[in-house]
C-alpha cells in the first residue's frame, strides 16, 4: 500500500507545538458543546441562528473532537485541518462578522482573536502537514522503507 502525499511533511519537529495548540482548543471546545449544551451547544446554535441546531451542534462537536484529536496525534493532519477550517470559518461568519456591525471593530477584534489564531493554525497545518514528530511521519517513513 502506498501512503499518500497527504501524510508526508518536511515541516520541522516544532510543528508539534502548533498541532497541540490548535488540536487542544478544538478538542476542548467540542467536548464543551456536550458538557454545556445550553451555553455552548444547541442553545448557542439556536441563539446565533444556525439552522437545525439539534443536528448541527452535536455534529460540529463531534467534528471538533475527532479532528482536534487527529491534530494532536499528528494523524491525517492535513485532512483533519479541512473540516476545522470550515468550522472556524462558519463561526467567524456567524458570530464575529455580526459583532463587527453591532459593536464595532475593536470589540469584534477582541472576540475574534482566538478564532483568527485557530483559522491560521489550521491553515498552517493544511499547508505544511504534521511535521516529523507525528503519526503521519511514522506512517510515511514506514512506507518509504518498503
Protein backbone atom coordinates (compact mmCIF):
# COMPACT_ATOMS: atom_id res chain seq x y z
CA UNK A 1 0.00 0.00 0.00
CA UNK A 2 1.35 3.45 -0.91
CA UNK A 3 0.91 6.23 1.58
CA UNK A 4 -0.49 9.36 0.04
CA UNK A 5 1.41 12.62 -0.23
CA UNK A 6 -1.14 13.83 2.28
CA UNK A 7 0.86 12.23 5.09
CA UNK A 8 4.29 13.44 4.01
CA UNK A 9 5.71 16.58 5.56
CA UNK A 10 9.04 18.33 5.57
CA UNK A 11 7.90 20.55 8.43
CA UNK A 12 10.18 20.67 11.47
CA UNK A 13 9.53 18.81 14.70
CA UNK A 14 8.46 22.06 16.38
CA UNK A 15 5.27 21.90 14.27
CA UNK A 16 4.10 19.69 17.14
CA UNK A 17 3.51 22.88 19.15
CA UNK A 18 1.06 24.24 16.57
CA UNK A 19 -0.69 20.86 16.38
CA UNK A 20 -1.06 20.75 20.16
CA UNK A 21 -2.34 24.32 20.32
CA UNK A 22 -4.89 24.02 17.54
CA UNK A 23 -5.87 20.44 18.35
CA UNK A 24 -6.37 21.09 22.06
CA UNK A 25 -8.57 24.16 21.55
CA UNK A 26 -10.81 22.35 19.06
CA UNK A 27 -10.94 19.17 21.19
CA UNK A 28 -11.83 21.18 24.29
CA UNK A 29 -14.49 23.24 22.51
CA UNK A 30 -16.02 20.10 21.00
CA UNK A 31 -16.28 18.41 24.42
CA UNK A 32 -17.80 21.54 25.94
CA UNK A 33 -20.59 21.53 23.34
CA UNK A 34 -21.78 18.33 25.01
CA UNK A 35 -20.97 19.30 28.62
CA UNK A 36 -22.71 22.68 28.39
CA UNK A 37 -25.33 22.32 25.63
CA UNK A 38 -27.38 25.37 26.62
CA UNK A 39 -24.42 27.77 26.64
CA UNK A 40 -22.10 26.24 24.02
CA UNK A 41 -24.03 23.58 22.13
CA UNK A 42 -27.61 23.52 20.87
CA UNK A 43 -28.61 26.59 22.90
CA UNK A 44 -25.79 28.64 21.42
CA UNK A 45 -26.61 27.44 17.89
CA UNK A 46 -30.26 28.45 18.40
CA UNK A 47 -29.18 31.88 19.68
CA UNK A 48 -26.96 32.64 16.69
CA UNK A 49 -29.47 31.31 14.16
CA UNK A 50 -27.75 28.17 12.89
CA UNK A 51 -30.37 26.07 11.06
CA UNK A 52 -31.21 22.64 12.51
CA UNK A 53 -29.32 23.34 15.75
CA UNK A 54 -30.23 19.95 17.28
CA UNK A 55 -28.35 18.32 14.41
CA UNK A 56 -25.53 20.78 13.78
CA UNK A 57 -24.40 21.42 17.37
CA UNK A 58 -23.63 17.75 18.09
CA UNK A 59 -22.28 17.31 14.55
CA UNK A 60 -19.86 20.22 14.99
CA UNK A 61 -18.94 18.94 18.45
CA UNK A 62 -18.02 15.53 17.04
CA UNK A 63 -16.03 17.11 14.19
CA UNK A 64 -14.10 19.23 16.68
CA UNK A 65 -13.41 16.27 18.97
CA UNK A 66 -12.35 13.89 16.21
CA UNK A 67 -10.34 16.35 14.11
CA UNK A 68 -8.80 18.03 17.16
CA UNK A 69 -7.67 14.61 18.40
CA UNK A 70 -6.23 13.78 14.98
CA UNK A 71 -4.21 17.00 15.04
CA UNK A 72 -2.84 16.24 18.50
CA UNK A 73 -1.77 12.78 17.33
CA UNK A 74 -0.49 14.08 14.01
CA UNK A 75 -2.62 11.55 12.16
CA UNK A 76 -4.20 12.56 8.85
CA UNK A 77 -3.30 16.10 9.84
CA UNK A 78 -3.92 17.80 6.51
CA UNK A 79 -7.28 16.08 6.09
CA UNK A 80 -8.32 16.92 9.66
CA UNK A 81 -7.45 20.59 9.12
CA UNK A 82 -10.02 20.96 6.32
CA UNK A 83 -13.22 20.45 8.35
CA UNK A 84 -11.73 22.57 11.13
CA UNK A 85 -11.11 25.42 8.69
CA UNK A 86 -14.74 25.17 7.58
CA UNK A 87 -15.87 25.00 11.23
CA UNK A 88 -13.96 28.11 12.31
CA UNK A 89 -14.91 30.00 9.13
CA UNK A 90 -18.60 29.42 9.88
CA UNK A 91 -18.01 30.52 13.48
CA UNK A 92 -16.39 33.75 12.30
CA UNK A 93 -19.13 34.44 9.75
CA UNK A 94 -22.00 33.75 12.16
CA UNK A 95 -20.65 35.37 15.32
CA UNK A 96 -17.79 37.79 14.67
CA UNK A 97 -18.98 39.49 11.47
CA UNK A 98 -22.36 40.38 13.05
CA UNK A 99 -20.49 41.64 16.11
CA UNK A 100 -18.40 43.88 13.87
CA UNK A 101 -21.56 45.57 12.60
CA UNK A 102 -23.15 45.77 16.05
CA UNK A 103 -20.28 46.57 18.42
CA UNK A 104 -17.56 47.97 16.22
CA UNK A 105 -14.10 47.00 15.06
CA UNK A 106 -12.21 46.70 18.36
CA UNK A 107 -14.91 44.72 20.16
CA UNK A 108 -15.06 42.30 17.23
CA UNK A 109 -11.27 42.04 17.08
CA UNK A 110 -11.14 41.25 20.79
CA UNK A 111 -13.71 38.48 20.44
CA UNK A 112 -12.20 37.13 17.21
CA UNK A 113 -8.62 36.76 18.45
CA UNK A 114 -8.88 33.04 19.23
CA UNK A 115 -10.89 32.31 16.09
CA UNK A 116 -8.30 34.10 13.96
CA UNK A 117 -5.45 32.14 15.57
CA UNK A 118 -7.30 28.85 15.12
CA UNK A 119 -8.02 29.64 11.47
CA UNK A 120 -4.38 30.50 10.76
CA UNK A 121 -3.14 27.49 12.74
CA UNK A 122 -5.39 25.09 10.85
CA UNK A 123 -4.35 26.68 7.54
CA UNK A 124 -0.68 26.31 8.52
CA UNK A 125 -1.17 22.60 9.26
CA UNK A 126 -3.04 22.10 5.99
CA UNK A 127 -0.11 23.63 4.11
CA UNK A 128 2.89 22.11 5.93
CA UNK A 129 1.49 18.88 7.36
CA UNK A 130 2.13 17.31 10.74
CA UNK A 131 5.90 17.60 10.98
CA UNK A 132 8.42 14.97 11.96
CA UNK A 133 7.00 14.23 15.44
CA UNK A 134 3.74 12.73 14.27
CA UNK A 135 1.99 9.52 13.36
CA UNK A 136 1.83 10.82 9.79
CA UNK A 137 5.65 10.95 9.72
CA UNK A 138 5.92 7.43 11.15
CA UNK A 139 3.48 6.05 8.59
CA UNK A 140 5.17 7.93 5.77
CA UNK A 141 8.62 6.76 6.90
CA UNK A 142 7.43 3.15 7.18
CA UNK A 143 6.01 3.36 3.66
CA UNK A 144 9.24 4.75 2.21
CA UNK A 145 11.25 1.83 3.69
CA UNK A 146 9.13 -0.78 1.93
